[in-house]
C-alpha cells in the first residue's frame, strides 16, 4: 500500500487560492492548490531541506 500523504498549504498564501501545498515524507510532494488534479512533483527530502535552508538564508 502507498504512503498516505498529509498536504499542508503554505503559510504565506493569501486568500486568493494561488498557493503551493507540500506533503513531507520519504520524498516531499509539491503541488499547485488550484490544479491538484494535474498531480504533484516528488523531490528527495534532502533536496527539499537544502532548498528551504537556502531560501531562509536569503
N, C-alpha and C. Protein backbone atom coordinates (compact mmCIF):
# COMPACT_ATOMS: atom_id res chain seq x y z
N UNK A 1 0.84 -1.18 0.00
CA UNK A 1 0.00 0.00 0.00
C UNK A 1 0.88 1.24 0.00
N UNK A 2 0.47 2.31 -0.68
CA UNK A 2 1.26 3.53 -0.81
C UNK A 2 1.26 4.37 0.46
N UNK A 3 2.17 5.30 0.46
CA UNK A 3 2.31 6.22 1.59
C UNK A 3 1.11 7.17 1.64
N UNK A 4 0.53 7.36 2.81
CA UNK A 4 -0.57 8.31 3.00
C UNK A 4 0.06 9.69 3.17
N UNK A 5 -0.42 10.65 2.40
CA UNK A 5 0.15 12.00 2.45
C UNK A 5 -0.80 12.97 3.12
N UNK A 6 -0.23 13.84 3.93
CA UNK A 6 -0.96 14.94 4.53
C UNK A 6 -0.42 16.20 3.89
N UNK A 7 -1.28 16.91 3.17
CA UNK A 7 -0.88 18.11 2.44
C UNK A 7 -1.08 19.35 3.29
N UNK A 8 -0.09 20.24 3.26
CA UNK A 8 -0.12 21.49 4.01
C UNK A 8 -0.02 22.65 3.04
N UNK A 9 -0.88 23.64 3.24
CA UNK A 9 -0.84 24.85 2.41
C UNK A 9 0.22 25.79 2.97
N UNK A 10 0.90 26.49 2.10
CA UNK A 10 1.91 27.45 2.51
C UNK A 10 1.33 28.47 3.46
N UNK A 11 2.06 28.77 4.54
CA UNK A 11 1.60 29.78 5.49
C UNK A 11 1.67 31.18 4.90
N UNK A 12 2.36 31.36 3.77
CA UNK A 12 2.46 32.65 3.11
C UNK A 12 1.37 32.87 2.06
N UNK A 13 0.49 31.91 1.91
CA UNK A 13 -0.58 32.02 0.92
C UNK A 13 -1.60 33.04 1.35
N UNK A 14 -2.07 33.80 0.41
CA UNK A 14 -3.16 34.74 0.70
C UNK A 14 -4.49 34.02 0.49
N UNK A 15 -5.56 34.73 0.67
CA UNK A 15 -6.88 34.14 0.48
C UNK A 15 -7.26 33.96 -0.97
N UNK A 16 -6.36 34.27 -1.90
CA UNK A 16 -6.68 34.20 -3.33
C UNK A 16 -6.74 32.77 -3.86
N UNK A 17 -6.21 31.81 -3.11
CA UNK A 17 -6.18 30.43 -3.57
C UNK A 17 -4.98 30.10 -4.43
N UNK A 18 -4.15 31.09 -4.72
CA UNK A 18 -2.94 30.86 -5.51
C UNK A 18 -1.81 30.47 -4.56
N UNK A 19 -1.65 29.19 -4.36
CA UNK A 19 -0.62 28.78 -3.42
C UNK A 19 -0.09 27.39 -3.76
N UNK A 20 0.87 27.00 -2.98
CA UNK A 20 1.53 25.71 -3.12
C UNK A 20 1.22 24.89 -1.88
N UNK A 21 1.04 23.59 -2.09
CA UNK A 21 0.86 22.67 -0.97
C UNK A 21 2.04 21.71 -0.95
N UNK A 22 2.41 21.28 0.25
CA UNK A 22 3.56 20.39 0.43
C UNK A 22 3.14 19.23 1.32
N UNK A 23 3.63 18.04 0.99
CA UNK A 23 3.44 16.86 1.83
C UNK A 23 4.82 16.26 2.07
N UNK A 24 5.25 16.25 3.32
CA UNK A 24 6.57 15.73 3.64
C UNK A 24 6.50 14.25 3.97
N UNK A 25 7.53 13.53 3.61
CA UNK A 25 7.61 12.10 3.85
C UNK A 25 8.95 11.60 3.33
N UNK A 26 9.00 10.38 2.81
CA UNK A 26 10.23 9.86 2.22
C UNK A 26 10.70 10.76 1.10
N UNK A 27 9.75 11.27 0.34
CA UNK A 27 10.01 12.30 -0.66
C UNK A 27 9.02 13.42 -0.37
N UNK A 28 9.38 14.64 -0.65
CA UNK A 28 8.49 15.77 -0.42
C UNK A 28 7.66 15.99 -1.68
N UNK A 29 6.35 15.98 -1.51
CA UNK A 29 5.46 16.24 -2.63
C UNK A 29 5.12 17.72 -2.69
N UNK A 30 5.07 18.26 -3.89
CA UNK A 30 4.75 19.67 -4.10
C UNK A 30 3.68 19.75 -5.18
N UNK A 31 2.60 20.50 -4.91
CA UNK A 31 1.54 20.62 -5.91
C UNK A 31 0.92 22.01 -5.86
N UNK A 32 0.26 22.37 -6.93
CA UNK A 32 -0.45 23.63 -7.07
C UNK A 32 -1.87 23.44 -6.54
N UNK A 33 -2.26 24.26 -5.58
CA UNK A 33 -3.58 24.13 -4.98
C UNK A 33 -4.70 24.24 -6.00
N UNK A 34 -4.54 25.13 -6.98
CA UNK A 34 -5.60 25.32 -7.96
C UNK A 34 -5.66 24.21 -9.01
N UNK A 35 -4.62 23.40 -9.10
CA UNK A 35 -4.57 22.35 -10.13
C UNK A 35 -4.16 21.01 -9.53
N UNK A 36 -4.78 20.64 -8.44
CA UNK A 36 -4.44 19.38 -7.76
C UNK A 36 -4.58 18.18 -8.69
N UNK A 37 -5.55 18.24 -9.58
CA UNK A 37 -5.81 17.11 -10.47
C UNK A 37 -4.67 16.86 -11.46
N UNK A 38 -3.76 17.81 -11.61
CA UNK A 38 -2.61 17.63 -12.51
C UNK A 38 -1.48 16.85 -11.87
N UNK A 39 -1.63 16.50 -10.60
CA UNK A 39 -0.62 15.70 -9.92
C UNK A 39 0.33 16.56 -9.10
N UNK A 40 1.48 15.98 -8.79
CA UNK A 40 2.45 16.66 -7.95
C UNK A 40 3.86 16.26 -8.36
N UNK A 41 4.82 16.99 -7.85
CA UNK A 41 6.23 16.67 -8.04
C UNK A 41 6.76 16.05 -6.76
N UNK A 42 7.57 15.02 -6.89
CA UNK A 42 8.25 14.45 -5.73
C UNK A 42 9.70 14.86 -5.76
N UNK A 43 10.17 15.39 -4.65
CA UNK A 43 11.55 15.85 -4.52
C UNK A 43 12.16 15.09 -3.34
N UNK A 44 13.39 14.57 -3.49
CA UNK A 44 14.02 13.91 -2.34
C UNK A 44 14.06 14.86 -1.13
N UNK A 45 13.79 14.31 0.05
CA UNK A 45 13.73 15.12 1.27
C UNK A 45 15.02 15.92 1.49
N UNK A 46 16.16 15.35 1.14
CA UNK A 46 17.43 16.07 1.33
C UNK A 46 17.50 17.31 0.45
N UNK A 47 16.99 17.21 -0.76
CA UNK A 47 16.98 18.36 -1.67
C UNK A 47 15.99 19.43 -1.21
N UNK A 48 14.83 19.00 -0.73
CA UNK A 48 13.84 19.94 -0.21
C UNK A 48 14.41 20.71 0.98
N UNK A 49 15.04 19.99 1.89
CA UNK A 49 15.63 20.64 3.07
C UNK A 49 16.72 21.62 2.67
N UNK A 50 17.52 21.30 1.67
CA UNK A 50 18.56 22.21 1.18
C UNK A 50 17.93 23.47 0.60
N UNK A 51 16.84 23.32 -0.14
CA UNK A 51 16.14 24.47 -0.71
C UNK A 51 15.61 25.39 0.40
N UNK A 52 14.96 24.80 1.39
CA UNK A 52 14.39 25.60 2.49
C UNK A 52 15.51 26.35 3.22
N UNK A 53 16.62 25.70 3.48
CA UNK A 53 17.74 26.36 4.15
C UNK A 53 18.28 27.51 3.31
N UNK A 54 18.41 27.31 2.00
CA UNK A 54 18.92 28.35 1.12
C UNK A 54 17.97 29.55 1.07
N UNK A 55 16.69 29.28 1.02
CA UNK A 55 15.70 30.36 0.95
C UNK A 55 15.68 31.16 2.25
N UNK A 56 15.74 30.48 3.36
CA UNK A 56 15.68 31.19 4.65
C UNK A 56 16.95 31.98 4.92
N UNK A 57 18.05 31.58 4.33
CA UNK A 57 19.31 32.34 4.48
C UNK A 57 19.31 33.59 3.60
N UNK A 58 18.50 33.57 2.57
CA UNK A 58 18.43 34.72 1.66
C UNK A 58 19.40 34.56 0.61
